[in-house]
Amino acid sequence: MKCWLPAGRYLAAGKVSAVTVPLSSPGLWLTGAERGLMLAGLSVALGGLAGRGLARNYKGAGPAPLPDPWALRGSLLGLAAAAALVLTALADSGLAADLAQPPVAGLRTAATLVIATAEAGCFAVAAILLRLRRPGPSVLPLLGVVVAEAVRAHPDGVVPVAGALLTFCHVLPAVLWAGMLLYVLRAAYAWRADPPAMRGLIRLYGNAAAWLVGTVVVTGVISALVLVPLGSLLTTTYGWFVVAKAALVAIAICLAAAGRVRLRRDREPGSGPDRATRLECAALAAALAVTGMLTVITPAASPAAAAAARATARPGQHQDLPAASRLTAGQTGRRG
């Protein structure tokens, strides 16, 4: 079976060095794309349900019924992406093991496969409930996907439990922000014949999104400080992707502000939402794609990560390492 990953680096003379999968590896890009699609499906499903709940709080009379959320479609997209993650992990166990860095406590090198399987199960349950027209209970398995991503994410490998909580507080508002915006845009197009009602709906979303954006920014900054030394932001692959994601989020925030300002202008009936609001949705979609890649790139060796790795590593023991890494570690010992 073909392995996309060249021999890595791990333990030598009792020191810890994270296995790094190069950007030239097709498996890294494939897994990153699968994670990005999974996050997109989660946003459409969970954010769509939240968006409809928000839109129902509009006080005025809408000119048309609110559209149904694409929750079932999003769940099926997430299920397909999670199933693809499982197949990718099974096809190349060495790649899956080396992408599980920093290692998750208890799961370690099996984290990629185990968590992808759990996420696929959560999406499947949510899809069944949505097919049975039970959107309320479907929220719980969708939240289970957020929990699984929080456990798998890099911060939990550096600071167990606290890192997972930090990631949960980052991922949940992020997917709600993107998914709610998509739903509100669809609802705004349905109400485009009544510009005041359309503006009121978008303003209602903007008030809720302000809290979500603030949470995303604060938790994102904390996560970056935990994972990336400031000096590595522009000198490492992980740092470059962090900067790219931050730039996309900043663009989305600026577009949201511009759209909020333009809500004060009168619009012709049938014209639909402002272009800035539509571009905000595109910027968030791009940010989700970059986030998918960040999940498969090993962070720079921050002081917190190095301390966590030293605490979990035992010199001379390589039973949790991928085969390529054990071989390299053995070769290093012979050379010494």
C-alpha atoms as a PDB file:
ATOM      1  CA  MET A   1       0.000   0.000   0.000  1.00  0.00           C
ATOM      2  CA  LYS A   2       1.391   3.358  -1.052  1.00  0.00           C
ATOM      3  CA  CYS A   3       2.528   5.716   1.712  1.00  0.00           C
ATOM      4  CA  TRP A   4       2.628   9.429   0.927  1.00  0.00           C
ATOM      5  CA  LEU A   5       4.933  10.265   3.816  1.00  0.00           C
ATOM      6  CA  PRO A   6       8.727  10.166   3.727  1.00  0.00           C
ATOM      7  CA  ALA A   7      10.604   8.995   6.803  1.00  0.00           C
ATOM      8  CA  GLY A   8      10.075  11.421   9.663  1.00  0.00           C
ATOM      9  CA  ARG A   9      12.038  12.572  12.714  1.00  0.00           C
ATOM     10  CA  TYR A  10      11.102  11.861  16.291  1.00  0.00           C
ATOM     11  CA  LEU A  11      13.138  10.845  19.314  1.00  0.00           C
ATOM     12  CA  ALA A  12      16.874  11.063  19.496  1.00  0.00           C
ATOM     13  CA  ALA A  13      18.945  11.076  22.688  1.00  0.00           C
ATOM     14  CA  GLY A  14      15.772  11.645  24.716  1.00  0.00           C
ATOM     15  CA  LYS A  15      14.792  14.826  22.838  1.00  0.00           C
ATOM     16  CA  VAL A  16      11.489  15.409  21.115  1.00  0.00           C
ATOM     17  CA  SER A  17      11.109  16.556  17.546  1.00  0.00           C
ATOM     18  CA  ALA A  18       7.699  16.527  15.898  1.00  0.00           C
ATOM     19  CA  VAL A  19       7.179  14.568  12.704  1.00  0.00           C
ATOM     20  CA  THR A  20       6.493  17.058   9.936  1.00  0.00           C
ATOM     21  CA  VAL A  21       4.561  16.038   6.826  1.00  0.00           C
ATOM     22  CA  PRO A  22       5.872  18.143   3.926  1.00  0.00           C
ATOM     23  CA  LEU A  23       3.525  20.323   1.861  1.00  0.00           C
ATOM     24  CA  SER A  24       4.544  18.312  -1.191  1.00  0.00           C
ATOM     25  CA  SER A  25       2.681  15.287   0.237  1.00  0.00           C
ATOM     26  CA  PRO A  26      -0.616  14.737  -1.649  1.00  0.00           C
ATOM     27  CA  GLY A  27      -2.052  13.034   1.418  1.00  0.00           C
ATOM     28  CA  LEU A  28      -1.671  16.188   3.489  1.00  0.00           C
ATOM     29  CA  TRP A  29      -3.614  18.287   0.977  1.00  0.00           C
ATOM     30  CA  LEU A  30      -6.255  15.573   0.578  1.00  0.00           C
ATOM     31  CA  THR A  31      -6.800  15.284   4.332  1.00  0.00           C
ATOM     32  CA  GLY A  32      -6.855  19.071   4.700  1.00  0.00           C
ATOM     33  CA  ALA A  33      -9.454  19.375   1.932  1.00  0.00           C
ATOM     34  CA  GLU A  34     -11.573  16.671   3.570  1.00  0.00           C
ATOM     35  CA  ARG A  35     -11.437  18.490   6.910  1.00  0.00           C
ATOM     36  CA  GLY A  36     -12.354  21.763   5.215  1.00  0.00           C
ATOM     37  CA  LEU A  37     -15.382  20.152   3.555  1.00  0.00           C
ATOM     38  CA  MET A  38     -16.392  18.598   6.864  1.00  0.00           C
ATOM     39  CA  LEU A  39     -16.266  22.009   8.559  1.00  0.00           C
ATOM     40  CA  ALA A  40     -18.283  23.475   5.686  1.00  0.00           C
ATOM     41  CA  GLY A  41     -20.942  20.788   6.109  1.00  0.00           C
ATOM     42  CA  LEU A  42     -21.027  21.430   9.855  1.00  0.00           C
ATOM     43  CA  SER A  43     -21.446  25.170   9.239  1.00  0.00           C
ATOM     44  CA  VAL A  44     -24.289  24.670   6.777  1.00  0.00           C
ATOM     45  CA  ALA A  45     -26.102  22.236   9.085  1.00  0.00           C
ATOM     46  CA  LEU A  46     -25.589  23.719  12.549  1.00  0.00           C
ATOM     47  CA  GLY A  47     -25.420  27.340  11.409  1.00  0.00           C
ATOM     48  CA  GLY A  48     -28.486  26.871   9.221  1.00  0.00           C
ATOM     49  CA  LEU A  49     -30.552  25.613  12.135  1.00  0.00           C
ATOM     50  CA  ALA A  50     -29.333  28.501  14.293  1.00  0.00           C
ATOM     51  CA  GLY A  51     -29.986  30.969  11.489  1.00  0.00           C
ATOM     52  CA  ARG A  52     -33.594  29.868  11.108  1.00  0.00           C
ATOM     53  CA  GLY A  53     -34.102  30.158  14.866  1.00  0.00           C
ATOM     54  CA  LEU A  54     -32.663  33.669  14.736  1.00  0.00           C
ATOM     55  CA  ALA A  55     -34.788  34.707  11.756  1.00  0.00           C
ATOM     56  CA  ARG A  56     -37.947  33.595  13.550  1.00  0.00           C
ATOM     57  CA  ASN A  57     -37.233  36.306  16.128  1.00  0.00           C
ATOM     58  CA  TYR A  58     -37.844  39.004  13.521  1.00  0.00           C
ATOM     59  CA  LYS A  59     -40.640  41.157  14.940  1.00  0.00           C
ATOM     60  CA  GLY A  60     -42.200  42.354  11.719  1.00  0.00           C
ATOM     61  CA  ALA A  61     -44.216  40.507   9.117  1.00  0.00           C
ATOM     62  CA  GLY A  62     -42.080  38.939   6.433  1.00  0.00           C
ATOM     63  CA  PRO A  63     -43.152  39.225   2.793  1.00  0.00           C
ATOM     64  CA  ALA A  64     -42.562  35.508   2.226  1.00  0.00           C
ATOM     65  CA  PRO A  65     -42.041  32.320   4.270  1.00  0.00           C
ATOM     66  CA  LEU A  66     -38.546  31.717   5.597  1.00  0.00           C
ATOM     67  CA  PRO A  67     -36.614  29.098   3.600  1.00  0.00           C
ATOM     68  CA  ASP A  68     -35.868  25.724   5.147  1.00  0.00           C
ATOM     69  CA  PRO A  69     -32.245  25.419   6.329  1.00  0.00           C
ATOM     70  CA  TRP A  70     -29.931  23.167   4.350  1.00  0.00           C
ATOM     71  CA  ALA A  71     -29.240  21.176   7.508  1.00  0.00           C
ATOM     72  CA  LEU A  72     -29.766  17.757   5.913  1.00  0.00           C
ATOM     73  CA  ARG A  73     -27.543  18.665   2.955  1.00  0.00           C
ATOM     74  CA  GLY A  74     -24.871  19.972   5.301  1.00  0.00           C
ATOM     75  CA  SER A  75     -25.025  16.812   7.417  1.00  0.00           C
ATOM     76  CA  LEU A  76     -24.667  14.628   4.332  1.00  0.00           C
ATOM     77  CA  LEU A  77     -21.721  16.729   3.142  1.00  0.00           C
ATOM     78  CA  GLY A  78     -20.109  16.384   6.567  1.00  0.00           C
ATOM     79  CA  LEU A  79     -20.796  12.644   6.570  1.00  0.00           C
ATOM     80  CA  ALA A  80     -19.194  12.220   3.148  1.00  0.00           C
ATOM     81  CA  ALA A  81     -16.143  14.250   4.204  1.00  0.00           C
ATOM     82  CA  ALA A  82     -15.764  12.333   7.483  1.00  0.00           C
ATOM     83  CA  ALA A  83     -16.106   9.019   5.642  1.00  0.00           C
ATOM     84  CA  ALA A  84     -13.405  10.173   3.221  1.00  0.00           C
ATOM     85  CA  LEU A  85     -11.189  10.994   6.216  1.00  0.00           C
ATOM     86  CA  VAL A  86     -11.701   7.459   7.523  1.00  0.00           C
ATOM     87  CA  LEU A  87     -10.812   5.931   4.148  1.00  0.00           C
ATOM     88  CA  THR A  88      -7.732   8.148   3.815  1.00  0.00           C
ATOM     89  CA  ALA A  89      -6.554   7.135   7.302  1.00  0.00           C
ATOM     90  CA  LEU A  90      -7.100   3.443   6.513  1.00  0.00           C
ATOM     91  CA  ALA A  91      -5.319   3.747   3.158  1.00  0.00           C
ATOM     92  CA  ASP A  92      -2.174   5.202   4.751  1.00  0.00           C
ATOM     93  CA  SER A  93      -1.926   4.549   8.473  1.00  0.00           C
ATOM     94  CA  GLY A  94       1.563   6.079   8.600  1.00  0.00           C
ATOM     95  CA  LEU A  95       0.296   9.372   7.239  1.00  0.00           C
ATOM     96  CA  ALA A  96      -2.674   9.340   9.619  1.00  0.00           C
ATOM     97  CA  ALA A  97      -0.350   8.703  12.569  1.00  0.00           C
ATOM     98  CA  ASP A  98       2.015  11.512  11.658  1.00  0.00           C
ATOM     99  CA  LEU A  99      -0.855  13.952  11.130  1.00  0.00           C
ATOM    100  CA  ALA A 100      -1.962  13.308  14.730  1.00  0.00           C
ATOM    101  CA  GLN A 101       0.612  15.761  16.096  1.00  0.00           C
ATOM    102  CA  PRO A 102       0.751  16.930  18.831  1.00  0.00           C
ATOM    103  CA  PRO A 103      -0.630  13.571  20.030  1.00  0.00           C
ATOM    104  CA  VAL A 104      -4.058  13.418  21.663  1.00  0.00           C
ATOM    105  CA  ALA A 105      -3.964  11.973  25.181  1.00  0.00           C
ATOM    106  CA  GLY A 106      -5.256   8.403  25.159  1.00  0.00           C
ATOM    107  CA  LEU A 107      -5.561   8.190  21.361  1.00  0.00           C
ATOM    108  CA  ARG A 108      -2.107   9.339  20.247  1.00  0.00           C
ATOM    109  CA  THR A 109      -1.333   8.094  16.700  1.00  0.00           C
ATOM    110  CA  ALA A 110      -4.819   6.576  16.291  1.00  0.00           C
ATOM    111  CA  ALA A 111      -6.520   9.955  16.809  1.00  0.00           C
ATOM    112  CA  THR A 112      -7.057  10.726  13.105  1.00  0.00           C
ATOM    113  CA  LEU A 113      -8.930   7.488  12.420  1.00  0.00           C
ATOM    114  CA  VAL A 114     -10.843   7.246  15.709  1.00  0.00           C
ATOM    115  CA  ILE A 115     -12.076  10.831  15.693  1.00  0.00           C
ATOM    116  CA  ALA A 116     -13.007  10.776  11.997  1.00  0.00           C
ATOM    117  CA  THR A 117     -15.073   7.644  12.678  1.00  0.00           C
ATOM    118  CA  ALA A 118     -16.815   9.339  15.603  1.00  0.00           C
ATOM    119  CA  GLU A 119     -17.542  12.411  13.476  1.00  0.00           C
ATOM    120  CA  ALA A 120     -18.990  10.270  10.696  1.00  0.00           C
ATOM    121  CA  GLY A 121     -21.265   8.619  13.250  1.00  0.00           C
ATOM    122  CA  CYS A 122     -22.431  11.989  14.580  1.00  0.00           C
ATOM    123  CA  PHE A 123     -23.214  13.281  11.089  1.00  0.00           C
ATOM    124  CA  ALA A 124     -25.081  10.068  10.261  1.00  0.00           C
ATOM    125  CA  VAL A 125     -27.266  10.378  13.377  1.00  0.00           C
ATOM    126  CA  ALA A 126     -27.942  14.042  12.615  1.00  0.00           C
ATOM    127  CA  ALA A 127     -28.889  13.224   9.013  1.00  0.00           C
ATOM    128  CA  ILE A 128     -31.323  10.514  10.160  1.00  0.00           C
ATOM    129  CA  LEU A 129     -32.980  12.859  12.650  1.00  0.00           C
ATOM    130  CA  LEU A 130     -33.253  15.609  10.061  1.00  0.00           C
ATOM    131  CA  ARG A 131     -34.727  13.166   7.548  1.00  0.00           C
ATOM    132  CA  LEU A 132     -37.314  12.296  10.193  1.00  0.00           C
ATOM    133  CA  ARG A 133     -38.030  16.050  10.532  1.00  0.00           C
ATOM    134  CA  ARG A 134     -36.646  16.328  14.036  1.00  0.00           C
ATOM    135  CA  PRO A 135     -34.274  19.310  13.736  1.00  0.00           C
ATOM    136  CA  GLY A 136     -34.146  20.010  17.476  1.00  0.00           C
ATOM    137  CA  PRO A 137     -32.584  16.688  18.546  1.00  0.00           C
ATOM    138  CA  SER A 138     -30.241  16.801  15.528  1.00  0.00           C
ATOM    139  CA  VAL A 139     -28.356  19.672  17.162  1.00  0.00           C
ATOM    140  CA  LEU A 140     -26.854  17.312  19.776  1.00  0.00           C
ATOM    141  CA  PRO A 141     -24.938  15.045  17.356  1.00  0.00           C
ATOM    142  CA  LEU A 142     -23.808  18.124  15.426  1.00  0.00           C
ATOM    143  CA  LEU A 143     -22.430  19.538  18.662  1.00  0.00           C
ATOM    144  CA  GLY A 144     -20.761  16.147  19.103  1.00  0.00           C
ATOM    145  CA  VAL A 145     -18.788  16.866  15.935  1.00  0.00           C
ATOM    146  CA  VAL A 146     -17.592  20.142  17.470  1.00  0.00           C
ATOM    147  CA  VAL A 147     -16.521  18.270  20.612  1.00  0.00           C
ATOM    148  CA  ALA A 148     -14.666  15.671  18.533  1.00  0.00           C
ATOM    149  CA  GLU A 149     -12.835  18.399  16.617  1.00  0.00           C
ATOM    150  CA  ALA A 150     -11.933  20.100  19.892  1.00  0.00           C
ATOM    151  CA  VAL A 151     -10.398  16.878  21.218  1.00  0.00           C
ATOM    152  CA  ARG A 152      -8.502  16.254  17.977  1.00  0.00           C
ATOM    153  CA  ALA A 153      -7.219  19.798  17.498  1.00  0.00           C
ATOM    154  CA  HIS A 154      -3.638  20.902  18.135  1.00  0.00           C
ATOM    155  CA  PRO A 155      -4.266  22.889  21.361  1.00  0.00           C
ATOM    156  CA  ASP A 156      -5.540  19.800  23.211  1.00  0.00           C
ATOM    157  CA  GLY A 157      -2.309  17.989  22.375  1.00  0.00           C
ATOM    158  CA  VAL A 158      -0.375  20.854  23.970  1.00  0.00           C
ATOM    159  CA  VAL A 159      -2.629  21.672  26.921  1.00  0.00           C
ATOM    160  CA  PRO A 160      -4.982  18.715  27.549  1.00  0.00           C
ATOM    161  CA  VAL A 161      -8.601  19.534  28.454  1.00  0.00           C
ATOM    162  CA  ALA A 162      -7.984  23.293  28.517  1.00  0.00           C
ATOM    163  CA  GLY A 163      -6.864  23.132  24.878  1.00  0.00           C
ATOM    164  CA  ALA A 164      -9.999  21.203  23.912  1.00  0.00           C
ATOM    165  CA  LEU A 165     -12.197  23.733  25.721  1.00  0.00           C
ATOM    166  CA  LEU A 166     -10.406  26.580  23.956  1.00  0.00           C
ATOM    167  CA  THR A 167     -10.923  24.938  20.570  1.00  0.00           C
ATOM    168  CA  PHE A 168     -14.603  24.252  21.302  1.00  0.00           C
ATOM    169  CA  CYS A 169     -15.077  27.942  22.130  1.00  0.00           C
ATOM    170  CA  HIS A 170     -13.378  28.812  18.826  1.00  0.00           C
ATOM    171  CA  VAL A 171     -14.927  26.288  16.427  1.00  0.00           C
ATOM    172  CA  LEU A 172     -18.547  26.581  17.595  1.00  0.00           C
ATOM    173  CA  PRO A 173     -18.914  30.368  17.070  1.00  0.00           C
ATOM    174  CA  ALA A 174     -16.914  30.124  13.837  1.00  0.00           C
ATOM    175  CA  VAL A 175     -19.237  27.565  12.229  1.00  0.00           C
ATOM    176  CA  LEU A 176     -22.284  29.426  13.571  1.00  0.00           C
ATOM    177  CA  TRP A 177     -21.006  32.697  12.096  1.00  0.00           C
ATOM    178  CA  ALA A 178     -20.521  31.206   8.633  1.00  0.00           C
ATOM    179  CA  GLY A 179     -23.639  29.036   8.629  1.00  0.00           C
ATOM    180  CA  MET A 180     -25.959  31.697  10.006  1.00  0.00           C
ATOM    181  CA  LEU A 181     -24.725  34.179   7.423  1.00  0.00           C
ATOM    182  CA  LEU A 182     -25.424  31.717   4.600  1.00  0.00           C
ATOM    183  CA  TYR A 183     -28.949  31.109   5.882  1.00  0.00           C
ATOM    184  CA  VAL A 184     -29.660  34.820   6.407  1.00  0.00           C
ATOM    185  CA  LEU A 185     -28.485  35.547   2.857  1.00  0.00           C
ATOM    186  CA  ARG A 186     -30.918  32.929   1.544  1.00  0.00           C
ATOM    187  CA  ALA A 187     -33.704  34.392   3.684  1.00  0.00           C
ATOM    188  CA  ALA A 188     -32.824  37.919   2.535  1.00  0.00           C
ATOM    189  CA  TYR A 189     -33.147  36.855  -1.104  1.00  0.00           C
ATOM    190  CA  ALA A 190     -36.554  35.365  -0.268  1.00  0.00           C
ATOM    191  CA  TRP A 191     -37.553  38.725   1.242  1.00  0.00           C
ATOM    192  CA  ARG A 192     -35.917  40.931  -1.373  1.00  0.00           C
ATOM    193  CA  ALA A 193     -39.309  42.280  -2.481  1.00  0.00           C
ATOM    194  CA  ASP A 194     -39.529  44.092   0.866  1.00  0.00           C
ATOM    195  CA  PRO A 195     -36.217  45.977   1.433  1.00  0.00           C
ATOM    196  CA  PRO A 196     -37.079  47.208   4.981  1.00  0.00           C
ATOM    197  CA  ALA A 197     -37.845  43.646   6.112  1.00  0.00           C
ATOM    198  CA  MET A 198     -34.690  42.378   4.413  1.00  0.00           C
ATOM    199  CA  ARG A 199     -32.589  45.037   6.135  1.00  0.00           C
ATOM    200  CA  GLY A 200     -34.177  44.217   9.481  1.00  0.00           C
ATOM    201  CA  LEU A 201     -33.339  40.540   9.056  1.00  0.00           C
ATOM    202  CA  ILE A 202     -29.712  41.272   8.198  1.00  0.00           C
ATOM    203  CA  ARG A 203     -29.474  43.724  11.104  1.00  0.00           C
ATOM    204  CA  LEU A 204     -30.796  41.023  13.439  1.00  0.00           C
ATOM    205  CA  TYR A 205     -28.073  38.683  12.217  1.00  0.00           C
ATOM    206  CA  GLY A 206     -25.437  41.403  12.584  1.00  0.00           C
ATOM    207  CA  ASN A 207     -26.251  41.920  16.260  1.00  0.00           C
ATOM    208  CA  ALA A 208     -25.813  38.193  16.974  1.00  0.00           C
ATOM    209  CA  ALA A 209     -22.745  37.874  14.765  1.00  0.00           C
ATOM    210  CA  ALA A 210     -20.919  40.624  16.653  1.00  0.00           C
ATOM    211  CA  TRP A 211     -20.681  38.370  19.725  1.00  0.00           C
ATOM    212  CA  LEU A 212     -19.650  35.395  17.626  1.00  0.00           C
ATOM    213  CA  VAL A 213     -16.930  37.385  15.862  1.00  0.00           C
ATOM    214  CA  GLY A 214     -15.532  38.659  19.146  1.00  0.00           C
ATOM    215  CA  THR A 215     -15.337  35.128  20.544  1.00  0.00           C
ATOM    216  CA  VAL A 216     -13.678  33.816  17.387  1.00  0.00           C
ATOM    217  CA  VAL A 217     -11.046  36.542  17.436  1.00  0.00           C
ATOM    218  CA  VAL A 218     -10.194  36.197  21.136  1.00  0.00           C
ATOM    219  CA  THR A 219      -9.992  32.396  21.118  1.00  0.00           C
ATOM    220  CA  GLY A 220      -8.093  32.430  17.824  1.00  0.00           C
ATOM    221  CA  VAL A 221      -5.445  34.764  19.221  1.00  0.00           C
ATOM    222  CA  ILE A 222      -5.059  32.615  22.346  1.00  0.00           C
ATOM    223  CA  SER A 223      -4.748  29.447  20.247  1.00  0.00           C
ATOM    224  CA  ALA A 224      -2.104  31.063  18.067  1.00  0.00           C
ATOM    225  CA  LEU A 225      -0.104  32.137  21.124  1.00  0.00           C
ATOM    226  CA  VAL A 226      -0.265  28.589  22.490  1.00  0.00           C
ATOM    227  CA  LEU A 227       0.810  26.945  19.232  1.00  0.00           C
ATOM    228  CA  VAL A 228       3.114  29.387  17.441  1.00  0.00           C
ATOM    229  CA  PRO A 229       6.026  31.410  18.827  1.00  0.00           C
ATOM    230  CA  LEU A 230       5.741  34.980  17.582  1.00  0.00           C
ATOM    231  CA  GLY A 231       9.074  34.639  15.791  1.00  0.00           C
ATOM    232  CA  SER A 232       7.741  31.663  13.818  1.00  0.00           C
ATOM    233  CA  LEU A 233       4.678  33.338  12.328  1.00  0.00           C
ATOM    234  CA  LEU A 234       6.498  34.346   9.149  1.00  0.00           C
ATOM    235  CA  THR A 235       9.176  31.646   9.102  1.00  0.00           C
ATOM    236  CA  THR A 236       7.160  28.401   9.330  1.00  0.00           C
ATOM    237  CA  THR A 237       4.495  26.793   7.165  1.00  0.00           C
ATOM    238  CA  TYR A 238       2.037  26.681  10.053  1.00  0.00           C
ATOM    239  CA  GLY A 239       2.678  30.348  10.767  1.00  0.00           C
ATOM    240  CA  TRP A 240       2.003  31.282   7.136  1.00  0.00           C
ATOM    241  CA  PHE A 241      -1.356  29.525   7.205  1.00  0.00           C
ATOM    242  CA  VAL A 242      -2.220  31.192  10.525  1.00  0.00           C
ATOM    243  CA  VAL A 243      -1.475  34.581   8.964  1.00  0.00           C
ATOM    244  CA  ALA A 244      -3.570  33.686   5.900  1.00  0.00           C
ATOM    245  CA  LYS A 245      -6.511  32.661   8.067  1.00  0.00           C
ATOM    246  CA  ALA A 246      -6.207  35.805  10.184  1.00  0.00           C
ATOM    247  CA  ALA A 247      -6.172  37.919   7.019  1.00  0.00           C
ATOM    248  CA  LEU A 248      -9.325  36.234   5.689  1.00  0.00           C
ATOM    249  CA  VAL A 249     -11.121  36.707   9.002  1.00  0.00           C
ATOM    250  CA  ALA A 250     -10.051  40.368   9.060  1.00  0.00           C
ATOM    251  CA  ILE A 251     -11.399  40.798   5.514  1.00  0.00           C
ATOM    252  CA  ALA A 252     -14.686  39.175   6.557  1.00  0.00           C
ATOM    253  CA  ILE A 253     -14.960  41.543   9.528  1.00  0.00           C
ATOM    254  CA  CYS A 254     -14.299  44.576   7.325  1.00  0.00           C
ATOM    255  CA  LEU A 255     -16.904  43.393   4.810  1.00  0.00           C
ATOM    256  CA  ALA A 256     -19.379  42.852   7.642  1.00  0.00           C
ATOM    257  CA  ALA A 257     -18.765  46.396   8.850  1.00  0.00           C
ATOM    258  CA  ALA A 258     -19.203  47.750   5.325  1.00  0.00           C
ATOM    259  CA  GLY A 259     -22.421  45.809   4.889  1.00  0.00           C
ATOM    260  CA  ARG A 260     -23.720  47.153   8.205  1.00  0.00           C
ATOM    261  CA  VAL A 261     -23.039  50.738   7.084  1.00  0.00           C
ATOM    262  CA  ARG A 262     -24.795  50.169   3.763  1.00  0.00           C
ATOM    263  CA  LEU A 263     -27.905  48.886   5.532  1.00  0.00           C
ATOM    264  CA  ARG A 264     -28.774  52.554   6.084  1.00  0.00           C
ATOM    265  CA  ARG A 265     -29.163  53.100   2.352  1.00  0.00           C
ATOM    266  CA  ASP A 266     -32.477  52.572   0.624  1.00  0.00           C
ATOM    267  CA  ARG A 267     -32.494  49.708  -1.855  1.00  0.00           C
ATOM    268  CA  GLU A 268     -34.780  48.970  -4.762  1.00  0.00           C
ATOM    269  CA  PRO A 269     -37.244  46.093  -4.261  1.00  0.00           C
ATOM    270  CA  GLY A 270     -35.829  42.869  -5.680  1.00  0.00           C
ATOM    271  CA  SER A 271     -32.184  43.996  -5.457  1.00  0.00           C
ATOM    272  CA  GLY A 272     -31.211  41.502  -2.731  1.00  0.00           C
ATOM    273  CA  PRO A 273     -28.482  41.829  -0.070  1.00  0.00           C
ATOM    274  CA  ASP A 274     -25.536  44.156  -0.507  1.00  0.00           C
ATOM    275  CA  ARG A 275     -22.444  42.859  -2.290  1.00  0.00           C
ATOM    276  CA  ALA A 276     -20.311  43.353   0.816  1.00  0.00           C
ATOM    277  CA  THR A 277     -22.484  40.879   2.739  1.00  0.00           C
ATOM    278  CA  ARG A 278     -22.215  38.336  -0.067  1.00  0.00           C
ATOM    279  CA  LEU A 279     -18.440  38.742  -0.168  1.00  0.00           C
ATOM    280  CA  GLU A 280     -18.322  38.271   3.607  1.00  0.00           C
ATOM    281  CA  CYS A 281     -19.796  34.808   3.086  1.00  0.00           C
ATOM    282  CA  ALA A 282     -17.143  34.021   0.462  1.00  0.00           C
ATOM    283  CA  ALA A 283     -14.344  35.183   2.778  1.00  0.00           C
ATOM    284  CA  LEU A 284     -15.630  32.923   5.567  1.00  0.00           C
ATOM    285  CA  ALA A 285     -15.777  29.968   3.176  1.00  0.00           C
ATOM    286  CA  ALA A 286     -12.133  30.590   2.273  1.00  0.00           C
ATOM    287  CA  ALA A 287     -11.246  30.839   5.983  1.00  0.00           C
ATOM    288  CA  LEU A 288     -12.853  27.420   6.585  1.00  0.00           C
ATOM    289  CA  ALA A 289     -10.750  25.968   3.758  1.00  0.00           C
ATOM    290  CA  VAL A 290      -7.560  27.370   5.293  1.00  0.00           C
ATOM    291  CA  THR A 291      -8.651  26.043   8.688  1.00  0.00           C
ATOM    292  CA  GLY A 292      -8.899  22.583   7.166  1.00  0.00           C
ATOM    293  CA  MET A 293      -5.271  22.827   6.106  1.00  0.00           C
ATOM    294  CA  LEU A 294      -4.192  24.130   9.519  1.00  0.00           C
ATOM    295  CA  THR A 295      -5.537  20.952  11.119  1.00  0.00           C
ATOM    296  CA  VAL A 296      -3.040  18.799   9.209  1.00  0.00           C
ATOM    297  CA  ILE A 297       0.082  20.964   9.475  1.00  0.00           C
ATOM    298  CA  THR A 298       2.277  20.385  12.522  1.00  0.00           C
ATOM    299  CA  PRO A 299       2.582  23.618  14.542  1.00  0.00           C
ATOM    300  CA  ALA A 300       5.911  25.237  15.216  1.00  0.00           C
ATOM    301  CA  ALA A 301       7.600  24.008  18.397  1.00  0.00           C
ATOM    302  CA  SER A 302       6.277  26.594  20.844  1.00  0.00           C
ATOM    303  CA  PRO A 303       7.501  26.459  24.449  1.00  0.00           C
ATOM    304  CA  ALA A 304       4.152  25.016  25.566  1.00  0.00           C
ATOM    305  CA  ALA A 305       4.257  22.332  22.876  1.00  0.00           C
ATOM    306  CA  ALA A 306       7.811  21.378  23.701  1.00  0.00           C
ATOM    307  CA  ALA A 307       7.006  21.067  27.404  1.00  0.00           C
ATOM    308  CA  ALA A 308       3.966  18.895  26.650  1.00  0.00           C
ATOM    309  CA  ALA A 309       5.985  16.679  24.323  1.00  0.00           C
ATOM    310  CA  ARG A 310       8.753  16.191  26.892  1.00  0.00           C
ATOM    311  CA  ALA A 311       6.164  15.298  29.517  1.00  0.00           C
ATOM    312  CA  THR A 312       4.621  12.560  27.359  1.00  0.00           C
ATOM    313  CA  ALA A 313       7.777  11.175  25.731  1.00  0.00           C
ATOM    314  CA  ARG A 314       9.942   8.484  27.357  1.00  0.00           C
ATOM    315  CA  PRO A 315      13.481   8.119  26.085  1.00  0.00           C
ATOM    316  CA  GLY A 316      14.100   4.796  24.401  1.00  0.00           C
ATOM    317  CA  GLN A 317      10.409   3.934  23.896  1.00  0.00           C
ATOM    318  CA  HIS A 318       8.961   4.209  20.396  1.00  0.00           C
ATOM    319  CA  GLN A 319       5.877   2.024  20.569  1.00  0.00           C
ATOM    320  CA  ASP A 320       3.552   4.951  19.810  1.00  0.00           C
ATOM    321  CA  LEU A 321       5.547   6.161  16.818  1.00  0.00           C
ATOM    322  CA  PRO A 322       4.806   5.500  13.161  1.00  0.00           C
ATOM    323  CA  ALA A 323       6.998   2.879  11.529  1.00  0.00           C
ATOM    324  CA  ALA A 324       8.962   5.431   9.517  1.00  0.00           C
ATOM    325  CA  SER A 325       9.680   7.436  12.653  1.00  0.00           C
ATOM    326  CA  ARG A 326      10.798   4.369  14.661  1.00  0.00           C
ATOM    327  CA  LEU A 327      13.160   3.458  11.860  1.00  0.00           C
ATOM    328  CA  THR A 328      14.628   6.931  11.756  1.00  0.00           C
ATOM    329  CA  ALA A 329      15.014   7.054  15.515  1.00  0.00           C
ATOM    330  CA  GLY A 330      16.791   3.693  15.418  1.00  0.00           C
ATOM    331  CA  GLN A 331      19.099   4.869  12.665  1.00  0.00           C
ATOM    332  CA  THR A 332      19.901   7.980  14.684  1.00  0.00           C
ATOM    333  CA  GLY A 333      20.860   5.845  17.663  1.00  0.00           C
ATOM    334  CA  ARG A 334      23.154   3.662  15.571  1.00  0.00           C
ATOM    335  CA  ARG A 335      24.836   6.682  14.091  1.00  0.00           C
ATOM    336  CA  GLY A 336      25.468   8.120  17.567  1.00  0.00           C
END
